[in-house]
């Protein structure tokens, strides 16, 4: 069986129009474009035909190239950095304020406990019902405890009241319709189980007049219950 061979002559006859002789070098190489130096119009230029322009000078390197950044570094501002102020004064002020509030709260609660004791209540009751002529002449009627503004308009009891140890020593401001003064009351218990004995129960007015109340009369009225 005879094999059919490809004939370029037969392929040429089958072409309706002959190929452009300036585009291809031969009819055998249909996909090989001619160089510009070989007469091909618009082909690939031959390396030997490249002309170096006078403005282009060859670059020479004296040493190996050093690594360069992948991107241009941003330019930072040239202004000075702000001065950060210390916050220690603020912390100290907050700490002092917190301690002051806590101390004020403790002082207020302690004063309220003293006002609620039976000793202070009996002293107030005795002053309201007193018939002492010197006290009524100096302070007048309606004798009450004098409130103070820094204790939220509550009376301030100065001193200590220690019932378990048997020691009471207080002073408190009082005011009446004619004047004001300070009430002093001191009572102790000699031994455990013994009754309290009054050592001091007097009023000193603002003008300096000292009025002693009857200790024997005030013992039964002021002595706290056992």
C-alpha atoms as a PDB file:
ATOM      1  CA  UNK A   1       0.000   0.000   0.000  1.00  0.00           C
ATOM      2  CA  UNK A   2       1.557   3.199  -1.123  1.00  0.00           C
ATOM      3  CA  UNK A   3       1.849   5.973   1.481  1.00  0.00           C
ATOM      4  CA  UNK A   4       0.835   9.432   0.597  1.00  0.00           C
ATOM      5  CA  UNK A   5       3.549  12.048   1.050  1.00  0.00           C
ATOM      6  CA  UNK A   6       2.992  15.702   1.519  1.00  0.00           C
ATOM      7  CA  UNK A   7       4.001  17.715  -1.533  1.00  0.00           C
ATOM      8  CA  UNK A   8       4.699  21.407  -1.316  1.00  0.00           C
ATOM      9  CA  UNK A   9       3.943  21.720  -5.015  1.00  0.00           C
ATOM     10  CA  UNK A  10       0.456  20.325  -4.574  1.00  0.00           C
ATOM     11  CA  UNK A  11      -0.072  22.615  -1.537  1.00  0.00           C
ATOM     12  CA  UNK A  12       0.940  25.571  -3.687  1.00  0.00           C
ATOM     13  CA  UNK A  13      -1.498  24.683  -6.401  1.00  0.00           C
ATOM     14  CA  UNK A  14      -4.310  24.469  -3.887  1.00  0.00           C
ATOM     15  CA  UNK A  15      -3.691  28.016  -2.685  1.00  0.00           C
ATOM     16  CA  UNK A  16      -5.952  30.477  -4.372  1.00  0.00           C
ATOM     17  CA  UNK A  17      -3.385  33.252  -4.028  1.00  0.00           C
ATOM     18  CA  UNK A  18       0.373  32.902  -3.553  1.00  0.00           C
ATOM     19  CA  UNK A  19       1.817  33.967  -0.160  1.00  0.00           C
ATOM     20  CA  UNK A  20       3.634  37.246   0.299  1.00  0.00           C
ATOM     21  CA  UNK A  21       7.304  36.602  -0.523  1.00  0.00           C
ATOM     22  CA  UNK A  22       8.417  39.461   1.736  1.00  0.00           C
ATOM     23  CA  UNK A  23       6.810  37.959   4.863  1.00  0.00           C
ATOM     24  CA  UNK A  24       8.073  34.400   4.770  1.00  0.00           C
ATOM     25  CA  UNK A  25      11.515  33.236   3.738  1.00  0.00           C
ATOM     26  CA  UNK A  26      10.366  29.989   2.108  1.00  0.00           C
ATOM     27  CA  UNK A  27       7.164  28.226   1.523  1.00  0.00           C
ATOM     28  CA  UNK A  28       8.268  25.441   3.813  1.00  0.00           C
ATOM     29  CA  UNK A  29       8.459  27.587   6.953  1.00  0.00           C
ATOM     30  CA  UNK A  30       5.053  29.142   7.284  1.00  0.00           C
ATOM     31  CA  UNK A  31       5.557  30.285  10.916  1.00  0.00           C
ATOM     32  CA  UNK A  32       9.073  31.741  10.779  1.00  0.00           C
ATOM     33  CA  UNK A  33       9.035  35.521  10.321  1.00  0.00           C
ATOM     34  CA  UNK A  34      11.952  37.227   8.622  1.00  0.00           C
ATOM     35  CA  UNK A  35      14.282  39.589  10.407  1.00  0.00           C
ATOM     36  CA  UNK A  36      14.379  43.216   9.429  1.00  0.00           C
ATOM     37  CA  UNK A  37      17.928  42.770   8.038  1.00  0.00           C
ATOM     38  CA  UNK A  38      16.719  40.000   5.734  1.00  0.00           C
ATOM     39  CA  UNK A  39      14.217  42.168   3.967  1.00  0.00           C
ATOM     40  CA  UNK A  40      11.187  41.426   6.112  1.00  0.00           C
ATOM     41  CA  UNK A  41       8.966  44.429   6.501  1.00  0.00           C
ATOM     42  CA  UNK A  42       8.067  45.003  10.179  1.00  0.00           C
ATOM     43  CA  UNK A  43       9.779  41.843  11.499  1.00  0.00           C
ATOM     44  CA  UNK A  44      11.984  41.355  14.541  1.00  0.00           C
ATOM     45  CA  UNK A  45      15.020  43.663  14.380  1.00  0.00           C
ATOM     46  CA  UNK A  46      18.415  41.976  14.186  1.00  0.00           C
ATOM     47  CA  UNK A  47      20.674  42.507  17.200  1.00  0.00           C
ATOM     48  CA  UNK A  48      23.453  43.799  15.002  1.00  0.00           C
ATOM     49  CA  UNK A  49      21.273  46.605  13.701  1.00  0.00           C
ATOM     50  CA  UNK A  50      20.652  48.135  17.241  1.00  0.00           C
ATOM     51  CA  UNK A  51      22.289  51.531  17.393  1.00  0.00           C
ATOM     52  CA  UNK A  52      23.322  52.936  20.794  1.00  0.00           C
ATOM     53  CA  UNK A  53      22.309  56.543  21.246  1.00  0.00           C
ATOM     54  CA  UNK A  54      25.062  59.002  22.182  1.00  0.00           C
ATOM     55  CA  UNK A  55      23.153  60.091  25.292  1.00  0.00           C
ATOM     56  CA  UNK A  56      23.161  56.596  26.698  1.00  0.00           C
ATOM     57  CA  UNK A  57      26.431  55.992  28.493  1.00  0.00           C
ATOM     58  CA  UNK A  58      27.308  52.602  29.852  1.00  0.00           C
ATOM     59  CA  UNK A  59      27.156  52.271  33.616  1.00  0.00           C
ATOM     60  CA  UNK A  60      30.052  50.808  35.515  1.00  0.00           C
ATOM     61  CA  UNK A  61      29.954  49.523  39.095  1.00  0.00           C
ATOM     62  CA  UNK A  62      32.935  49.676  41.419  1.00  0.00           C
ATOM     63  CA  UNK A  63      31.567  47.266  44.020  1.00  0.00           C
ATOM     64  CA  UNK A  64      28.742  44.904  44.652  1.00  0.00           C
ATOM     65  CA  UNK A  65      25.302  46.411  44.909  1.00  0.00           C
ATOM     66  CA  UNK A  66      23.993  46.814  48.419  1.00  0.00           C
ATOM     67  CA  UNK A  67      20.427  45.811  49.310  1.00  0.00           C
ATOM     68  CA  UNK A  68      17.876  48.558  48.968  1.00  0.00           C
ATOM     69  CA  UNK A  69      14.497  48.925  50.676  1.00  0.00           C
ATOM     70  CA  UNK A  70      11.512  47.511  48.891  1.00  0.00           C
ATOM     71  CA  UNK A  71       9.613  50.756  49.424  1.00  0.00           C
ATOM     72  CA  UNK A  72      10.463  54.310  50.299  1.00  0.00           C
ATOM     73  CA  UNK A  73      10.470  54.986  53.984  1.00  0.00           C
ATOM     74  CA  UNK A  74       7.928  57.531  55.207  1.00  0.00           C
ATOM     75  CA  UNK A  75       9.210  60.878  56.322  1.00  0.00           C
ATOM     76  CA  UNK A  76       8.577  61.599  59.963  1.00  0.00           C
ATOM     77  CA  UNK A  77       7.563  64.988  61.259  1.00  0.00           C
ATOM     78  CA  UNK A  78      10.369  67.176  62.493  1.00  0.00           C
ATOM     79  CA  UNK A  79       8.366  68.667  65.384  1.00  0.00           C
ATOM     80  CA  UNK A  80       9.403  67.883  68.947  1.00  0.00           C
ATOM     81  CA  UNK A  81       7.672  65.167  70.927  1.00  0.00           C
ATOM     82  CA  UNK A  82       5.112  66.386  73.468  1.00  0.00           C
ATOM     83  CA  UNK A  83       6.169  66.457  77.101  1.00  0.00           C
ATOM     84  CA  UNK A  84       4.083  63.966  79.103  1.00  0.00           C
ATOM     85  CA  UNK A  85       3.123  65.452  82.439  1.00  0.00           C
ATOM     86  CA  UNK A  86       3.444  63.260  85.503  1.00  0.00           C
ATOM     87  CA  UNK A  87       0.219  62.033  87.059  1.00  0.00           C
ATOM     88  CA  UNK A  88       1.515  61.596  90.601  1.00  0.00           C
ATOM     89  CA  UNK A  89      -0.187  64.791  91.887  1.00  0.00           C
ATOM     90  CA  UNK A  90      -3.520  63.508  90.583  1.00  0.00           C
ATOM     91  CA  UNK A  91      -3.061  60.117  92.249  1.00  0.00           C
ATOM     92  CA  UNK A  92      -2.043  61.766  95.533  1.00  0.00           C
ATOM     93  CA  UNK A  93      -5.073  64.091  95.427  1.00  0.00           C
ATOM     94  CA  UNK A  94      -7.440  61.180  94.765  1.00  0.00           C
ATOM     95  CA  UNK A  95      -5.887  59.152  97.592  1.00  0.00           C
ATOM     96  CA  UNK A  96      -6.107  62.034 100.054  1.00  0.00           C
ATOM     97  CA  UNK A  97      -9.725  62.663  99.061  1.00  0.00           C
ATOM     98  CA  UNK A  98     -10.664  59.004  99.531  1.00  0.00           C
ATOM     99  CA  UNK A  99      -8.980  58.840 102.946  1.00  0.00           C
ATOM    100  CA  UNK A 100     -10.688  62.081 104.005  1.00  0.00           C
ATOM    101  CA  UNK A 101     -14.109  60.773 103.008  1.00  0.00           C
ATOM    102  CA  UNK A 102     -13.522  57.526 104.882  1.00  0.00           C
ATOM    103  CA  UNK A 103     -12.341  59.381 108.001  1.00  0.00           C
ATOM    104  CA  UNK A 104     -15.359  61.696 107.842  1.00  0.00           C
ATOM    105  CA  UNK A 105     -17.698  58.735 107.551  1.00  0.00           C
ATOM    106  CA  UNK A 106     -16.136  57.039 110.584  1.00  0.00           C
ATOM    107  CA  UNK A 107     -16.309  60.280 112.571  1.00  0.00           C
ATOM    108  CA  UNK A 108     -19.969  60.777 111.722  1.00  0.00           C
ATOM    109  CA  UNK A 109     -20.995  57.227 112.627  1.00  0.00           C
ATOM    110  CA  UNK A 110     -19.058  57.383 115.910  1.00  0.00           C
ATOM    111  CA  UNK A 111     -20.771  60.642 116.841  1.00  0.00           C
ATOM    112  CA  UNK A 112     -24.181  59.165 116.063  1.00  0.00           C
ATOM    113  CA  UNK A 113     -23.433  56.237 118.362  1.00  0.00           C
ATOM    114  CA  UNK A 114     -22.550  58.623 121.185  1.00  0.00           C
ATOM    115  CA  UNK A 115     -25.745  60.612 120.691  1.00  0.00           C
ATOM    116  CA  UNK A 116     -27.806  57.415 120.871  1.00  0.00           C
ATOM    117  CA  UNK A 117     -26.389  56.322 124.243  1.00  0.00           C
ATOM    118  CA  UNK A 118     -28.496  56.501 127.380  1.00  0.00           C
ATOM    119  CA  UNK A 119     -25.985  58.868 129.033  1.00  0.00           C
ATOM    120  CA  UNK A 120     -26.471  61.659 126.494  1.00  0.00           C
ATOM    121  CA  UNK A 121     -30.231  61.166 126.356  1.00  0.00           C
ATOM    122  CA  UNK A 122     -30.564  61.454 130.153  1.00  0.00           C
ATOM    123  CA  UNK A 123     -28.356  64.560 130.180  1.00  0.00           C
ATOM    124  CA  UNK A 124     -30.535  66.218 127.557  1.00  0.00           C
ATOM    125  CA  UNK A 125     -33.715  65.275 129.419  1.00  0.00           C
ATOM    126  CA  UNK A 126     -32.325  66.670 132.687  1.00  0.00           C
ATOM    127  CA  UNK A 127     -31.328  69.981 131.075  1.00  0.00           C
ATOM    128  CA  UNK A 128     -34.772  70.423 129.542  1.00  0.00           C
ATOM    129  CA  UNK A 129     -36.453  69.832 132.924  1.00  0.00           C
ATOM    130  CA  UNK A 130     -33.959  71.643 135.106  1.00  0.00           C
ATOM    131  CA  UNK A 131     -35.091  74.191 137.665  1.00  0.00           C
ATOM    132  CA  UNK A 132     -31.641  75.572 138.436  1.00  0.00           C
ATOM    133  CA  UNK A 133     -32.071  79.351 138.733  1.00  0.00           C
ATOM    134  CA  UNK A 134     -28.502  80.190 137.654  1.00  0.00           C
ATOM    135  CA  UNK A 135     -28.764  78.016 134.532  1.00  0.00           C
ATOM    136  CA  UNK A 136     -32.166  79.425 133.588  1.00  0.00           C
ATOM    137  CA  UNK A 137     -30.921  82.980 134.112  1.00  0.00           C
ATOM    138  CA  UNK A 138     -27.818  82.444 131.940  1.00  0.00           C
ATOM    139  CA  UNK A 139     -29.197  80.260 129.141  1.00  0.00           C
ATOM    140  CA  UNK A 140     -32.941  80.755 129.382  1.00  0.00           C
ATOM    141  CA  UNK A 141     -35.607  78.244 128.500  1.00  0.00           C
ATOM    142  CA  UNK A 142     -35.720  75.556 125.806  1.00  0.00           C
ATOM    143  CA  UNK A 143     -32.156  74.348 126.323  1.00  0.00           C
ATOM    144  CA  UNK A 144     -31.151  71.976 123.541  1.00  0.00           C
ATOM    145  CA  UNK A 145     -27.968  70.618 121.988  1.00  0.00           C
ATOM    146  CA  UNK A 146     -26.316  73.024 119.550  1.00  0.00           C
ATOM    147  CA  UNK A 147     -25.914  71.589 116.024  1.00  0.00           C
ATOM    148  CA  UNK A 148     -22.782  72.197 113.951  1.00  0.00           C
ATOM    149  CA  UNK A 149     -22.672  72.580 110.169  1.00  0.00           C
ATOM    150  CA  UNK A 150     -19.677  70.306 109.587  1.00  0.00           C
ATOM    151  CA  UNK A 151     -21.565  67.410 111.232  1.00  0.00           C
ATOM    152  CA  UNK A 152     -24.563  67.846 108.886  1.00  0.00           C
ATOM    153  CA  UNK A 153     -26.450  69.975 111.436  1.00  0.00           C
ATOM    154  CA  UNK A 154     -26.080  67.372 114.165  1.00  0.00           C
ATOM    155  CA  UNK A 155     -24.672  68.008 117.683  1.00  0.00           C
ATOM    156  CA  UNK A 156     -21.044  67.067 118.213  1.00  0.00           C
ATOM    157  CA  UNK A 157     -20.206  64.979 121.286  1.00  0.00           C
ATOM    158  CA  UNK A 158     -16.586  65.438 122.293  1.00  0.00           C
ATOM    159  CA  UNK A 159     -14.933  62.828 124.491  1.00  0.00           C
ATOM    160  CA  UNK A 160     -15.421  59.114 125.028  1.00  0.00           C
ATOM    161  CA  UNK A 161     -18.095  56.805 126.347  1.00  0.00           C
ATOM    162  CA  UNK A 162     -16.731  53.413 127.380  1.00  0.00           C
ATOM    163  CA  UNK A 163     -19.411  51.579 129.304  1.00  0.00           C
ATOM    164  CA  UNK A 164     -17.665  48.182 129.609  1.00  0.00           C
ATOM    165  CA  UNK A 165     -14.588  49.791 131.216  1.00  0.00           C
ATOM    166  CA  UNK A 166     -16.675  52.120 133.348  1.00  0.00           C
ATOM    167  CA  UNK A 167     -15.389  55.454 132.035  1.00  0.00           C
ATOM    168  CA  UNK A 168     -17.533  58.306 130.689  1.00  0.00           C
ATOM    169  CA  UNK A 169     -16.082  61.753 129.972  1.00  0.00           C
ATOM    170  CA  UNK A 170     -17.923  63.934 127.458  1.00  0.00           C
ATOM    171  CA  UNK A 171     -18.500  67.584 126.654  1.00  0.00           C
ATOM    172  CA  UNK A 172     -21.210  68.935 124.402  1.00  0.00           C
ATOM    173  CA  UNK A 173     -22.408  72.361 123.301  1.00  0.00           C
ATOM    174  CA  UNK A 174     -25.852  73.511 124.483  1.00  0.00           C
ATOM    175  CA  UNK A 175     -27.903  76.571 123.601  1.00  0.00           C
ATOM    176  CA  UNK A 176     -30.959  78.228 125.113  1.00  0.00           C
ATOM    177  CA  UNK A 177     -33.177  81.211 124.498  1.00  0.00           C
ATOM    178  CA  UNK A 178     -30.744  83.638 126.213  1.00  0.00           C
ATOM    179  CA  UNK A 179     -27.290  82.206 125.594  1.00  0.00           C
ATOM    180  CA  UNK A 180     -25.088  79.185 124.982  1.00  0.00           C
ATOM    181  CA  UNK A 181     -22.474  77.177 126.799  1.00  0.00           C
ATOM    182  CA  UNK A 182     -20.741  73.826 127.143  1.00  0.00           C
ATOM    183  CA  UNK A 183     -21.939  70.910 129.243  1.00  0.00           C
ATOM    184  CA  UNK A 184     -19.299  68.730 130.926  1.00  0.00           C
ATOM    185  CA  UNK A 185     -20.136  65.321 132.330  1.00  0.00           C
ATOM    186  CA  UNK A 186     -17.744  62.788 133.880  1.00  0.00           C
ATOM    187  CA  UNK A 187     -18.727  59.509 135.519  1.00  0.00           C
ATOM    188  CA  UNK A 188     -16.674  56.465 136.506  1.00  0.00           C
ATOM    189  CA  UNK A 189     -17.249  52.992 137.915  1.00  0.00           C
ATOM    190  CA  UNK A 190     -14.831  52.086 140.665  1.00  0.00           C
ATOM    191  CA  UNK A 191     -15.081  48.316 140.255  1.00  0.00           C
ATOM    192  CA  UNK A 192     -16.946  45.772 138.221  1.00  0.00           C
ATOM    193  CA  UNK A 193     -20.564  45.498 139.272  1.00  0.00           C
ATOM    194  CA  UNK A 194     -20.527  48.788 141.209  1.00  0.00           C
ATOM    195  CA  UNK A 195     -22.769  51.717 140.203  1.00  0.00           C
ATOM    196  CA  UNK A 196     -21.434  54.745 138.313  1.00  0.00           C
ATOM    197  CA  UNK A 197     -20.497  57.782 140.409  1.00  0.00           C
ATOM    198  CA  UNK A 198     -20.655  61.274 138.944  1.00  0.00           C
ATOM    199  CA  UNK A 199     -17.439  63.275 139.271  1.00  0.00           C
ATOM    200  CA  UNK A 200     -18.331  66.296 137.175  1.00  0.00           C
ATOM    201  CA  UNK A 201     -21.607  67.706 135.953  1.00  0.00           C
ATOM    202  CA  UNK A 202     -21.449  71.402 135.179  1.00  0.00           C
ATOM    203  CA  UNK A 203     -22.103  74.037 132.531  1.00  0.00           C
ATOM    204  CA  UNK A 204     -19.676  76.795 131.482  1.00  0.00           C
ATOM    205  CA  UNK A 205     -21.387  79.588 129.580  1.00  0.00           C
ATOM    206  CA  UNK A 206     -19.786  81.523 126.720  1.00  0.00           C
ATOM    207  CA  UNK A 207     -19.281  84.510 129.007  1.00  0.00           C
ATOM    208  CA  UNK A 208     -17.183  82.337 131.336  1.00  0.00           C
ATOM    209  CA  UNK A 209     -19.721  81.702 134.084  1.00  0.00           C
ATOM    210  CA  UNK A 210     -19.397  78.258 135.657  1.00  0.00           C
ATOM    211  CA  UNK A 211     -22.611  76.656 136.932  1.00  0.00           C
ATOM    212  CA  UNK A 212     -22.327  73.494 139.010  1.00  0.00           C
ATOM    213  CA  UNK A 213     -25.296  71.201 139.043  1.00  0.00           C
ATOM    214  CA  UNK A 214     -26.163  69.211 142.128  1.00  0.00           C
ATOM    215  CA  UNK A 215     -24.155  65.957 141.911  1.00  0.00           C
ATOM    216  CA  UNK A 216     -26.389  64.057 144.305  1.00  0.00           C
ATOM    217  CA  UNK A 217     -29.490  64.964 142.387  1.00  0.00           C
ATOM    218  CA  UNK A 218     -27.922  64.185 139.012  1.00  0.00           C
ATOM    219  CA  UNK A 219     -26.518  60.801 140.044  1.00  0.00           C
ATOM    220  CA  UNK A 220     -29.882  59.099 140.038  1.00  0.00           C
ATOM    221  CA  UNK A 221     -31.036  60.881 136.898  1.00  0.00           C
ATOM    222  CA  UNK A 222     -27.905  60.524 134.798  1.00  0.00           C
ATOM    223  CA  UNK A 223     -26.389  57.260 135.936  1.00  0.00           C
ATOM    224  CA  UNK A 224     -26.836  54.732 133.133  1.00  0.00           C
ATOM    225  CA  UNK A 225     -28.787  51.560 133.946  1.00  0.00           C
ATOM    226  CA  UNK A 226     -26.819  48.473 134.906  1.00  0.00           C
END
